[in-house]
Amino acid sequence: MASIRKQYAAYQDLKRLRTMRPDDIAFEDIEVFMGKLVRIAAFDLAQDKIESFSAFRFLYERLLGAWARPWLPGAFCGAAALPQIRPDKRKTLLHSISEAAATAPGWSDREPSFYPEFIEKEAA
């Protein structure tokens, strides 16, 4: 129960983050946005449930939306490098982000989606 309360408190800023869309060229809004995003990301990474950048990206694309994709590598690396993350976990997390993801020249703004494959039921 206490962990649910902690997550609820940590995720309070998600509502505000969804309305913030910092300019990807200017630096005016970056401090507040990235500060809040890194803090929430650090909370999630410290829970030891997210094992890689791919898992982090999957979650945060759904929490914030496709528009947040360019900000996710920086937030992930910033959060993963914090001293609140165990050193062995920090190493694993930071090694999980590919050079391509860290240096991507552009990101799709298509919202994430999932279409499961239809599986035929076997005759019993």
Protein backbone atom coordinates (compact mmCIF):
# COMPACT_ATOMS: atom_id res chain seq x y z
CA MET A 1 0.00 0.00 0.00
CA ALA A 2 2.84 2.40 0.83
CA SER A 3 4.45 1.79 -2.57
CA ILE A 4 1.19 2.64 -4.33
CA ARG A 5 1.01 5.91 -2.40
CA LYS A 6 4.62 6.70 -3.33
CA GLN A 7 3.91 6.05 -7.00
CA TYR A 8 0.74 8.14 -6.84
CA ALA A 9 2.73 11.03 -5.36
CA ALA A 10 5.57 10.64 -7.87
CA TYR A 11 3.16 10.57 -10.82
CA GLN A 12 1.30 13.74 -9.80
CA ASP A 13 3.44 15.79 -12.19
CA LEU A 14 2.44 13.64 -15.18
CA LYS A 15 -0.71 15.71 -15.62
CA ARG A 16 1.35 18.86 -15.87
CA LEU A 17 4.02 17.27 -18.08
CA ARG A 18 1.35 16.24 -20.60
CA THR A 19 0.42 19.91 -21.08
CA MET A 20 4.03 21.10 -21.35
CA ARG A 21 5.64 20.87 -24.72
CA PRO A 22 9.02 22.51 -24.58
CA ASP A 23 10.38 23.93 -27.78
CA ASP A 24 13.01 21.58 -29.17
CA ILE A 25 15.15 24.52 -30.26
CA ALA A 26 14.81 27.12 -27.48
CA PHE A 27 15.79 26.57 -23.85
CA GLU A 28 13.08 28.56 -22.03
CA ASP A 29 10.91 25.68 -20.79
CA ILE A 30 13.52 22.96 -20.56
CA GLU A 31 14.44 23.34 -16.87
CA VAL A 32 10.98 22.74 -15.45
CA PHE A 33 10.04 20.04 -17.96
CA MET A 34 13.25 18.00 -17.77
CA GLY A 35 13.53 18.44 -14.02
CA LYS A 36 10.09 16.93 -13.46
CA LEU A 37 10.59 14.23 -16.09
CA VAL A 38 13.98 13.16 -14.70
CA ARG A 39 12.57 13.04 -11.16
CA ILE A 40 9.67 10.78 -12.20
CA ALA A 41 12.00 8.65 -14.35
CA ALA A 42 14.44 8.25 -11.44
CA PHE A 43 11.59 7.11 -9.22
CA ASP A 44 10.58 4.48 -11.79
CA LEU A 45 14.15 3.30 -12.40
CA ALA A 46 14.82 3.00 -8.67
CA GLN A 47 11.91 0.55 -8.39
CA ASP A 48 14.00 -2.03 -10.34
CA LYS A 49 11.10 -2.88 -12.65
CA ILE A 50 12.48 -1.17 -15.78
CA GLU A 51 15.49 -3.03 -17.15
CA SER A 52 16.35 -1.06 -20.29
CA PHE A 53 15.82 2.07 -22.34
CA SER A 54 13.40 0.14 -24.56
CA ALA A 55 11.16 -0.65 -21.59
CA PHE A 56 11.45 2.94 -20.35
CA ARG A 57 10.54 4.31 -23.76
CA PHE A 58 7.58 1.92 -24.07
CA LEU A 59 6.16 3.13 -20.75
CA TYR A 60 6.79 6.84 -21.18
CA GLU A 61 5.49 7.02 -24.74
CA ARG A 62 2.22 5.77 -23.32
CA LEU A 63 2.28 7.97 -20.23
CA LEU A 64 3.07 11.19 -22.11
CA GLY A 65 2.45 10.58 -25.80
CA ALA A 66 4.51 10.43 -28.97
CA TRP A 67 5.48 14.10 -28.77
CA ALA A 68 7.74 13.27 -25.77
CA ARG A 69 9.99 10.87 -27.73
CA PRO A 70 12.84 13.35 -28.34
CA TRP A 71 13.06 14.06 -24.61
CA LEU A 72 13.15 10.43 -23.43
CA PRO A 73 16.84 9.59 -24.09
CA GLY A 74 18.00 12.62 -22.08
CA ALA A 75 15.58 11.94 -19.23
CA PHE A 76 16.56 8.27 -19.16
CA CYS A 77 20.31 8.94 -19.13
CA GLY A 78 19.94 11.71 -16.56
CA ALA A 79 17.83 9.57 -14.25
CA ALA A 80 19.93 6.43 -14.72
CA ALA A 81 23.12 8.31 -13.84
CA LEU A 82 21.81 9.62 -10.51
CA PRO A 83 23.32 8.30 -7.26
CA GLN A 84 19.87 7.09 -6.14
CA ILE A 85 20.25 4.26 -8.67
CA ARG A 86 22.44 1.37 -7.49
CA PRO A 87 25.81 1.32 -9.33
CA ASP A 88 25.25 -2.14 -10.88
CA LYS A 89 21.77 -1.12 -12.04
CA ARG A 90 23.14 2.21 -13.32
CA LYS A 91 25.65 0.40 -15.49
CA THR A 92 23.03 -1.97 -16.93
CA LEU A 93 20.61 0.85 -17.67
CA LEU A 94 23.16 3.14 -19.31
CA HIS A 95 24.47 0.30 -21.49
CA SER A 96 20.94 -0.46 -22.68
CA ILE A 97 20.53 2.73 -24.71
CA SER A 98 21.85 2.41 -28.22
CA GLU A 99 23.92 5.06 -29.92
CA ALA A 100 21.15 5.36 -32.50
CA ALA A 101 18.55 6.14 -29.82
CA ALA A 102 20.85 8.58 -28.02
CA THR A 103 21.74 10.50 -31.19
CA ALA A 104 18.59 10.18 -33.30
CA PRO A 105 18.25 13.11 -35.69
CA GLY A 106 14.45 12.93 -35.56
CA TRP A 107 11.55 11.07 -34.02
CA SER A 108 8.21 9.95 -35.31
CA ASP A 109 5.20 11.78 -33.90
CA ARG A 110 2.91 8.81 -34.57
CA GLU A 111 1.17 7.73 -31.38
CA PRO A 112 2.13 4.29 -30.07
CA SER A 113 -0.23 1.47 -30.91
CA PHE A 114 -0.44 -2.25 -30.46
CA TYR A 115 -2.31 -4.64 -32.70
CA PRO A 116 -2.26 -8.21 -31.39
CA GLU A 117 -2.12 -11.03 -33.85
CA PHE A 118 -5.21 -13.20 -34.06
CA ILE A 119 -4.47 -16.67 -32.79
CA GLU A 120 -6.65 -19.53 -33.93
CA LYS A 121 -8.08 -21.63 -31.14
CA GLU A 122 -6.97 -25.20 -31.35
CA ALA A 123 -9.65 -27.85 -31.45
CA ALA A 124 -10.00 -29.29 -27.98
